[in-house]
Amino acid sequence: MSVQELEAAVAQLDPEELARFAKWFEEYQADEWDRQFEADVAAGRLEALGRQADEDFEAGRATAL
């Protein structure tokens, strides 16, 4: 199925179905983001960022939230 076909199908949903689809898609995207983040952590892709954050904190370059 192409993106154009998906767009056409979504455009035909009634408001209740559209709300259900939107909720599902938001959850799907969040789950995909989580999976990618976990894969990046497992592969060590965030190590440099973690070290930089530690260095910034130790040097007093961090701001409390």
C-alpha atoms as a PDB file:
ATOM      1  CA  MET A   1       0.000   0.000   0.000  1.00  0.00           C
ATOM      2  CA  SER A   2       1.372   3.425  -0.914  1.00  0.00           C
ATOM      3  CA  VAL A   3       1.353   6.549   1.203  1.00  0.00           C
ATOM      4  CA  GLN A   4      -1.202   8.064  -1.171  1.00  0.00           C
ATOM      5  CA  GLU A   5      -3.492   5.067  -0.639  1.00  0.00           C
ATOM      6  CA  LEU A   6      -3.099   5.371   3.124  1.00  0.00           C
ATOM      7  CA  GLU A   7      -3.852   9.089   2.995  1.00  0.00           C
ATOM      8  CA  ALA A   8      -6.991   8.443   0.952  1.00  0.00           C
ATOM      9  CA  ALA A   9      -8.154   5.727   3.352  1.00  0.00           C
ATOM     10  CA  VAL A  10      -7.560   7.920   6.409  1.00  0.00           C
ATOM     11  CA  ALA A  11      -9.421  10.808   4.767  1.00  0.00           C
ATOM     12  CA  GLN A  12     -12.486   8.565   4.488  1.00  0.00           C
ATOM     13  CA  LEU A  13     -12.641   7.648   8.177  1.00  0.00           C
ATOM     14  CA  ASP A  14     -15.532   8.987  10.204  1.00  0.00           C
ATOM     15  CA  PRO A  15     -14.582  11.166  13.199  1.00  0.00           C
ATOM     16  CA  GLU A  16     -14.747   8.305  15.729  1.00  0.00           C
ATOM     17  CA  GLU A  17     -12.622   5.995  13.574  1.00  0.00           C
ATOM     18  CA  LEU A  18     -10.189   8.836  12.894  1.00  0.00           C
ATOM     19  CA  ALA A  19      -9.782   9.446  16.628  1.00  0.00           C
ATOM     20  CA  ARG A  20      -9.145   5.729  17.227  1.00  0.00           C
ATOM     21  CA  PHE A  21      -6.634   5.625  14.383  1.00  0.00           C
ATOM     22  CA  ALA A  22      -4.876   8.777  15.621  1.00  0.00           C
ATOM     23  CA  LYS A  23      -4.545   7.296  19.114  1.00  0.00           C
ATOM     24  CA  TRP A  24      -3.195   4.025  17.720  1.00  0.00           C
ATOM     25  CA  PHE A  25      -0.724   5.807  15.441  1.00  0.00           C
ATOM     26  CA  GLU A  26       0.552   8.039  18.250  1.00  0.00           C
ATOM     27  CA  GLU A  27       1.167   4.958  20.400  1.00  0.00           C
ATOM     28  CA  TYR A  28       2.819   3.186  17.457  1.00  0.00           C
ATOM     29  CA  GLN A  29       5.198   6.095  16.898  1.00  0.00           C
ATOM     30  CA  ALA A  30       6.065   6.259  20.600  1.00  0.00           C
ATOM     31  CA  ASP A  31       6.788   2.520  20.648  1.00  0.00           C
ATOM     32  CA  GLU A  32       8.967   2.839  17.542  1.00  0.00           C
ATOM     33  CA  TRP A  33      10.902   5.710  19.156  1.00  0.00           C
ATOM     34  CA  ASP A  34      11.425   3.606  22.291  1.00  0.00           C
ATOM     35  CA  ARG A  35      12.685   0.648  20.234  1.00  0.00           C
ATOM     36  CA  GLN A  36      15.108   2.861  18.310  1.00  0.00           C
ATOM     37  CA  PHE A  37      16.361   4.514  21.506  1.00  0.00           C
ATOM     38  CA  GLU A  38      16.923   1.132  23.134  1.00  0.00           C
ATOM     39  CA  ALA A  39      18.775  -0.097  20.046  1.00  0.00           C
ATOM     40  CA  ASP A  40      20.959   3.028  20.062  1.00  0.00           C
ATOM     41  CA  VAL A  41      21.760   2.535  23.763  1.00  0.00           C
ATOM     42  CA  ALA A  42      22.575  -1.145  23.241  1.00  0.00           C
ATOM     43  CA  ALA A  43      24.849  -0.257  20.307  1.00  0.00           C
ATOM     44  CA  GLY A  44      26.678   2.368  22.372  1.00  0.00           C
ATOM     45  CA  ARG A  45      25.635   5.242  20.112  1.00  0.00           C
ATOM     46  CA  LEU A  46      24.837   7.472  23.100  1.00  0.00           C
ATOM     47  CA  GLU A  47      28.049   6.918  25.051  1.00  0.00           C
ATOM     48  CA  ALA A  48      29.696  10.128  23.840  1.00  0.00           C
ATOM     49  CA  LEU A  49      26.620  12.154  24.739  1.00  0.00           C
ATOM     50  CA  GLY A  50      26.547  10.644  28.209  1.00  0.00           C
ATOM     51  CA  ARG A  51      30.219  11.429  28.765  1.00  0.00           C
ATOM     52  CA  GLN A  52      29.683  15.004  27.574  1.00  0.00           C
ATOM     53  CA  ALA A  53      26.721  15.425  29.916  1.00  0.00           C
ATOM     54  CA  ASP A  54      28.800  14.132  32.838  1.00  0.00           C
ATOM     55  CA  GLU A  55      31.649  16.488  31.966  1.00  0.00           C
ATOM     56  CA  ASP A  56      29.292  19.459  31.685  1.00  0.00           C
ATOM     57  CA  PHE A  57      27.710  18.627  35.044  1.00  0.00           C
ATOM     58  CA  GLU A  58      31.057  18.236  36.770  1.00  0.00           C
ATOM     59  CA  ALA A  59      32.267  21.541  35.269  1.00  0.00           C
ATOM     60  CA  GLY A  60      29.161  23.369  36.519  1.00  0.00           C
ATOM     61  CA  ARG A  61      27.702  23.848  33.059  1.00  0.00           C
ATOM     62  CA  ALA A  62      24.372  22.257  33.980  1.00  0.00           C
ATOM     63  CA  THR A  63      21.166  24.042  34.921  1.00  0.00           C
ATOM     64  CA  ALA A  64      18.615  22.561  37.296  1.00  0.00           C
ATOM     65  CA  LEU A  65      15.269  21.935  35.691  1.00  0.00           C
END
